[in-house]
Every structure is written in C-alpha cells, then in structure tokens.
Amino acid sequence: MSASTLEQRRTEIEAYFDRTAMAAWARLTSTEKLGHIRATVRAGRDRMRESLLAMLPDALDTARVLDAGSGTGALAVALADRGAEVTAAEHSPALSALARQRAGGIRRGNIRFFVGDMNDPATGRFTHVVAMDSLIHYTPDDLVRMLAGFAVRTDTSILFTFAPRTRLLAIMHRVGKLFPRSDRSPAIEPVAEARLRHLLGTDPRLAGFRVARTFRVESGFYISQAMELLRQ
C-alpha cells in the first residue's frame, strides 16, 4: 500500500468513527445494556484489555506509555491508574473528546490526549506502546510498517492485536462487503499468525525486537489476537 493509500485508509477510519459509528461505540464502551451480539463484543474487548494490562508491570510510575488508537479511553485510564504518563493518540476527534470526558476520575498518573496519527513522531518516545484493535483495518504489510514506526520510539515492549485469519472472520469479511458502501465499517484485514511472524522476523526495521507472548480472545463476534514484541 502506498503512503497516499495508507493515508486514505486512515481518513476512512476517522470518518467512520466520527460520523457513522460514534453513538454505537459510545454505547458499546459504556455500562448500558446491550443486545446479545454487542454484549459478546463488549465482553471480548474487556477481556482483551485486562489481558493486555496483565502483560505490563503493575507499577508504571516511571513509564511513558502510548495508547495507540485509544478510542474512548478505557485502556488509557487503566494505565494512568497504575501511575503511567499516558499519551492517548486517536485519529477520531469525536472519540478523543469522549475519552477526555470519561477520564475525569484518574487516581494517579496523567493522560495527554493527542488527536491525529498515532504513529506521529510528535507523540514522543515511550517505555511501552499498546495498540488494542487499532491496527486490524490495515493490510499485513502496513500493519508491520506501523509497528516499525513505533519501534524506533519504544524502549521496552510493543503490545498489539491483529485479526487472526479464521473461518468465522473470513465469513464476516465477505458478508460485510454485501452492505451498502455508506453502511460499511472499514474492512478488517485478517492475517495468519505464521505470515505475520514471518513479516516481523524479516523486516530489518524490527530487528531489535523479538516476538514473545501471544494469546487469542474469542467471545461471540469478537475475535482478536494479541502479540508482544520485546526489545532484545
């Protein structure tokens, strides 16, 4: 994917969350009662967030953490509550505004909200980067390109999720293309774990990192796999 096409995908994602899906995401990430399908998605996202947090130190008082694609801010708040200095980077101004509104009860650390490209060098340098479900709309090559952009500014670890290539996700991907274009979310780009490992292992920009832990969360219509990259 060229730089211009990558920027087009970023614009599509921002437009989707700002104009089409804002109300749905506000509900999904709240405590409101949901229908069965969305409830399984919420449960899966909650489990993934808690699992990612479990991969980080309990005390983050000296850490700078990038929440890359921070959405409505639940992960950023949890990181700050561990004492971290968090940069919550989000393409969508509407989602970032909602996250800022919900972040009033931080007990420890702090959160700096950044609206724009989560890979912008202006966000700074970090101890850890966490990208939960924010890279799933990019092709495998561009996902690795994004990770390489994080790598040059990360001292310890990068935690990210990807859409694993499964039969159910493949069906959902095909069905999504049947909807009118105005009703579609940006397509999820499933990738097989073996292919992703190959791309990570052969990219010279990621030579300083190795793949460590990985796990998958499946909850109804939510299927996501986490992977940890550790600096060697």
Protein backbone atom coordinates (compact mmCIF):
# COMPACT_ATOMS: atom_id res chain seq x y z
CA MET A 1 0.00 0.00 0.00
CA SER A 2 1.44 3.39 -0.96
CA ALA A 3 1.73 6.26 1.50
CA SER A 4 -1.22 8.01 -0.17
CA THR A 5 -3.37 4.86 0.04
CA LEU A 6 -2.39 4.36 3.68
CA GLU A 7 -3.42 7.95 4.41
CA GLN A 8 -6.73 7.31 2.60
CA ARG A 9 -7.38 4.32 4.90
CA ARG A 10 -6.65 6.48 7.96
CA THR A 11 -9.13 9.08 6.66
CA GLU A 12 -11.79 6.39 6.14
CA ILE A 13 -11.34 5.13 9.69
CA GLU A 14 -11.58 8.62 11.15
CA ALA A 15 -14.71 9.39 9.12
CA TYR A 16 -16.34 6.11 10.14
CA PHE A 17 -15.91 6.68 13.86
CA ASP A 18 -16.71 10.40 13.72
CA ARG A 19 -19.83 10.23 11.55
CA THR A 20 -21.21 6.69 11.36
CA ALA A 21 -20.28 4.75 14.47
CA MET A 22 -19.86 7.31 17.23
CA ALA A 23 -23.14 6.58 19.03
CA ALA A 24 -22.67 2.81 18.71
CA TRP A 25 -19.14 2.95 20.14
CA ALA A 26 -20.23 5.23 22.96
CA ARG A 27 -22.83 2.61 23.93
CA LEU A 28 -20.53 -0.36 23.40
CA THR A 29 -17.93 1.10 25.75
CA SER A 30 -20.42 2.23 28.39
CA THR A 31 -22.29 0.22 31.02
CA GLU A 32 -25.60 0.39 29.14
CA LYS A 33 -27.45 -2.87 28.48
CA LEU A 34 -26.74 -4.28 25.03
CA GLY A 35 -28.22 -6.88 22.73
CA HIS A 36 -26.62 -10.34 22.73
CA ILE A 37 -24.19 -9.83 19.83
CA ARG A 38 -22.86 -6.49 21.02
CA ALA A 39 -22.68 -7.83 24.58
CA THR A 40 -20.30 -10.57 23.39
CA VAL A 41 -18.16 -7.94 21.68
CA ARG A 42 -18.05 -5.83 24.83
CA ALA A 43 -17.11 -8.89 26.92
CA GLY A 44 -14.37 -9.81 24.48
CA ARG A 45 -12.93 -6.30 24.42
CA ASP A 46 -13.00 -6.15 28.23
CA ARG A 47 -11.17 -9.47 28.45
CA MET A 48 -8.59 -8.38 25.88
CA ARG A 49 -7.96 -5.09 27.69
CA GLU A 50 -7.47 -6.85 31.02
CA SER A 51 -5.17 -9.43 29.42
CA LEU A 52 -3.01 -6.73 27.83
CA LEU A 53 -2.79 -4.90 31.15
CA ALA A 54 -1.68 -8.16 32.79
CA MET A 55 1.31 -8.24 30.42
CA LEU A 56 2.56 -4.91 31.78
CA PRO A 57 4.09 -4.17 35.20
CA ASP A 58 1.60 -3.46 37.98
CA ALA A 59 3.54 -0.30 38.84
CA LEU A 60 4.14 2.07 35.92
CA ASP A 61 5.20 5.15 37.89
CA THR A 62 8.31 5.82 35.81
CA ALA A 63 6.85 4.66 32.49
CA ARG A 64 5.69 6.60 29.47
CA VAL A 65 3.04 4.63 27.59
CA LEU A 66 1.48 5.27 24.19
CA ASP A 67 -2.12 4.09 23.89
CA ALA A 68 -2.14 3.91 20.09
CA GLY A 69 -5.69 4.25 18.83
CA SER A 70 -7.08 4.98 22.27
CA GLY A 71 -10.78 5.09 21.32
CA THR A 72 -13.00 6.05 24.24
CA GLY A 73 -10.12 5.85 26.71
CA ALA A 74 -10.73 2.83 28.98
CA LEU A 75 -7.22 1.47 28.50
CA ALA A 76 -5.61 4.90 28.90
CA VAL A 77 -7.40 5.40 32.23
CA ALA A 78 -6.32 1.96 33.48
CA LEU A 79 -2.70 2.70 32.53
CA ALA A 80 -2.78 6.08 34.24
CA ASP A 81 -4.23 4.49 37.37
CA ARG A 82 -1.03 2.42 37.54
CA GLY A 83 0.94 5.65 37.60
CA ALA A 84 1.92 5.88 33.93
CA GLU A 85 2.34 9.05 31.92
CA VAL A 86 0.00 8.14 29.07
CA THR A 87 -0.32 9.61 25.61
CA ALA A 88 -3.74 8.67 24.25
CA ALA A 89 -3.42 9.01 20.46
CA GLU A 90 -6.63 8.80 18.45
CA HIS A 91 -7.47 9.68 14.81
CA SER A 92 -11.10 10.49 15.58
CA PRO A 93 -11.68 13.86 17.27
CA ALA A 94 -15.13 12.71 18.44
CA LEU A 95 -13.79 9.57 20.15
CA SER A 96 -10.93 11.55 21.70
CA ALA A 97 -13.38 14.11 23.07
CA LEU A 98 -15.48 11.35 24.64
CA ALA A 99 -12.35 9.78 26.14
CA ARG A 100 -11.35 13.12 27.67
CA GLN A 101 -14.84 13.47 29.14
CA ARG A 102 -14.68 9.98 30.69
CA ALA A 103 -11.19 10.40 32.12
CA GLY A 104 -12.13 12.67 34.99
CA GLY A 105 -11.60 10.07 37.71
CA ILE A 106 -7.91 9.27 37.24
CA ARG A 107 -6.39 8.48 40.63
CA ARG A 108 -2.69 8.53 39.80
CA GLY A 109 -0.64 9.24 36.58
CA ASN A 110 -1.84 11.52 33.83
CA ILE A 111 -3.16 11.38 30.29
CA ARG A 112 -2.18 13.62 27.40
CA PHE A 113 -4.75 13.44 24.60
CA PHE A 114 -3.35 13.58 21.07
CA VAL A 115 -5.70 13.85 18.08
CA GLY A 116 -4.03 12.67 14.91
CA ASP A 117 -1.78 9.95 13.55
CA MET A 118 -0.87 7.51 16.34
CA ASN A 119 2.47 6.98 14.57
CA ASP A 120 3.35 10.67 14.52
CA PRO A 121 6.87 11.15 15.96
CA ALA A 122 5.48 14.24 17.71
CA THR A 123 3.81 11.94 20.24
CA GLY A 124 7.28 11.31 21.70
CA ARG A 125 9.29 8.34 22.96
CA PHE A 126 7.83 5.59 25.15
CA THR A 127 8.63 2.76 27.53
CA HIS A 128 5.70 0.70 26.21
CA VAL A 129 3.29 1.01 23.29
CA VAL A 130 -0.14 -0.65 23.38
CA ALA A 131 -2.30 -0.82 20.25
CA MET A 132 -5.53 -2.66 21.05
CA ASP A 133 -7.68 -3.36 17.97
CA SER A 134 -6.40 -0.21 16.24
CA LEU A 135 -4.28 -1.94 13.57
CA ILE A 136 -6.87 -4.50 12.44
CA HIS A 137 -8.03 -2.36 9.48
CA TYR A 138 -4.58 -2.27 7.84
CA THR A 139 -3.09 -4.78 5.42
CA PRO A 140 -0.40 -7.04 6.92
CA ASP A 141 2.36 -5.06 5.20
CA ASP A 142 1.02 -1.78 6.54
CA LEU A 143 0.45 -3.26 10.00
CA VAL A 144 4.16 -4.11 10.09
CA ARG A 145 5.01 -0.66 8.76
CA MET A 146 3.05 0.87 11.64
CA LEU A 147 4.83 -1.36 14.16
CA ALA A 148 8.20 -0.34 12.70
CA GLY A 149 7.21 3.28 13.25
CA PHE A 150 6.51 2.53 16.91
CA ALA A 151 9.72 0.52 17.28
CA VAL A 152 12.09 3.42 16.73
CA ARG A 153 10.45 5.24 19.65
CA THR A 154 9.93 2.33 22.07
CA ASP A 155 12.39 1.25 24.76
CA THR A 156 10.83 -1.94 26.16
CA SER A 157 7.73 -3.50 24.57
CA ILE A 158 5.01 -3.15 21.96
CA LEU A 159 1.71 -4.90 22.62
CA PHE A 160 -0.71 -5.03 19.71
CA THR A 161 -3.66 -7.00 18.45
CA PHE A 162 -4.44 -8.31 14.99
CA ALA A 163 -7.36 -10.07 13.35
CA PRO A 164 -6.33 -13.74 13.10
CA ARG A 165 -7.32 -15.50 9.90
CA THR A 166 -10.15 -17.81 10.99
CA ARG A 167 -13.12 -19.26 9.12
CA LEU A 168 -15.60 -17.10 11.05
CA LEU A 169 -13.67 -13.89 10.38
CA ALA A 170 -13.40 -14.76 6.69
CA ILE A 171 -17.19 -15.20 6.52
CA MET A 172 -17.77 -11.92 8.38
CA HIS A 173 -15.36 -10.19 6.00
CA ARG A 174 -17.27 -11.45 2.95
CA VAL A 175 -20.69 -10.61 4.42
CA GLY A 176 -19.53 -7.08 5.24
CA LYS A 177 -18.93 -6.44 1.55
CA LEU A 178 -22.64 -7.08 0.87
CA PHE A 179 -23.72 -3.98 2.82
CA PRO A 180 -24.22 -0.65 1.02
CA ARG A 181 -20.94 1.26 0.98
CA SER A 182 -22.39 4.01 3.22
CA ASP A 183 -23.16 1.43 5.94
CA ARG A 184 -19.82 -0.38 5.93
CA SER A 185 -17.18 -0.07 8.55
CA PRO A 186 -13.59 -0.02 7.27
CA ALA A 187 -12.76 -3.61 6.34
CA ILE A 188 -10.93 -5.77 8.86
CA GLU A 189 -7.79 -7.31 7.34
CA PRO A 190 -7.31 -10.84 8.75
CA VAL A 191 -3.77 -12.26 8.72
CA ALA A 192 -2.47 -15.73 9.56
CA GLU A 193 -0.16 -15.76 12.59
CA ALA A 194 2.55 -17.61 10.65
CA ARG A 195 2.59 -14.97 7.91
CA LEU A 196 2.67 -12.14 10.45
CA ARG A 197 5.58 -13.77 12.30
CA HIS A 198 7.44 -14.08 9.00
CA LEU A 199 6.88 -10.42 8.14
CA LEU A 200 8.00 -9.33 11.61
CA GLY A 201 11.05 -11.57 11.57
CA THR A 202 12.29 -10.45 8.17
CA ASP A 203 11.72 -6.70 8.48
CA PRO A 204 15.06 -5.00 9.26
CA ARG A 205 13.25 -2.13 10.96
CA LEU A 206 12.14 -4.56 13.67
CA ALA A 207 15.48 -6.32 14.07
CA GLY A 208 15.79 -5.06 17.64
CA PHE A 209 12.59 -6.79 18.74
CA ARG A 210 11.50 -10.41 19.17
CA VAL A 211 8.04 -11.95 19.37
CA ALA A 212 7.30 -13.03 22.95
CA ARG A 213 3.85 -13.89 24.32
CA THR A 214 0.73 -14.21 22.20
CA PHE A 215 -2.85 -15.18 23.00
CA ARG A 216 -6.30 -15.07 21.40
CA VAL A 217 -9.64 -13.88 22.77
CA GLU A 218 -12.84 -15.24 21.22
CA SER A 219 -16.18 -14.01 22.52
CA GLY A 220 -19.09 -14.42 20.11
CA PHE A 221 -18.47 -11.99 17.27
CA TYR A 222 -15.27 -10.66 18.85
CA ILE A 223 -12.12 -12.45 17.69
CA SER A 224 -8.76 -10.81 18.29
CA GLN A 225 -5.22 -12.00 18.91
CA ALA A 226 -2.60 -10.17 20.95
CA MET A 227 1.13 -10.31 20.35
CA GLU A 228 4.01 -8.93 22.41
CA LEU A 229 7.20 -7.57 20.87
CA LEU A 230 10.10 -7.20 23.31
CA ARG A 231 13.25 -5.21 22.68
CA GLN A 232 16.25 -7.56 22.64
